[in-house]
């Protein structure tokens, strides 16, 4: 059974940093694109970042560009989200996801391009 397990979320002060991790199991994801979405209370799920498979092209949502960095370690079937200069607006549950590389490339911000999702890890940014 495919599983994505996120970790690294928590409480951080504005301006601080966090690193989220997502470990995949059940099968290898090293030919898939991987990504992160987030959902704040009362809001729709929002695209955060994605990284393709072979050439590791990255995509970012406008609200996180320049502050967040996505990376992957295929030997560990793990994707990371490095977050800095955190703002209260970054408070949300962060979800890891994977999808077919070619489909994600076409529309990385569309959640319908992805197939598997983790349970999410909460991030709270305080003032």
Foldseek 3Di string as FASTA:
>chain_A
DKAKAKDWADEAAAQAKTKMKIFIDPDQQLQWKKAKWWDDPPGDIWGAKIFAHDVGDMDGDPVQPPFWDWDDDRVRNMIMIIGGSDDQVVWTWMKMFIAHRVQCVVPVGDPVRTDDIHPTDTHGYHD
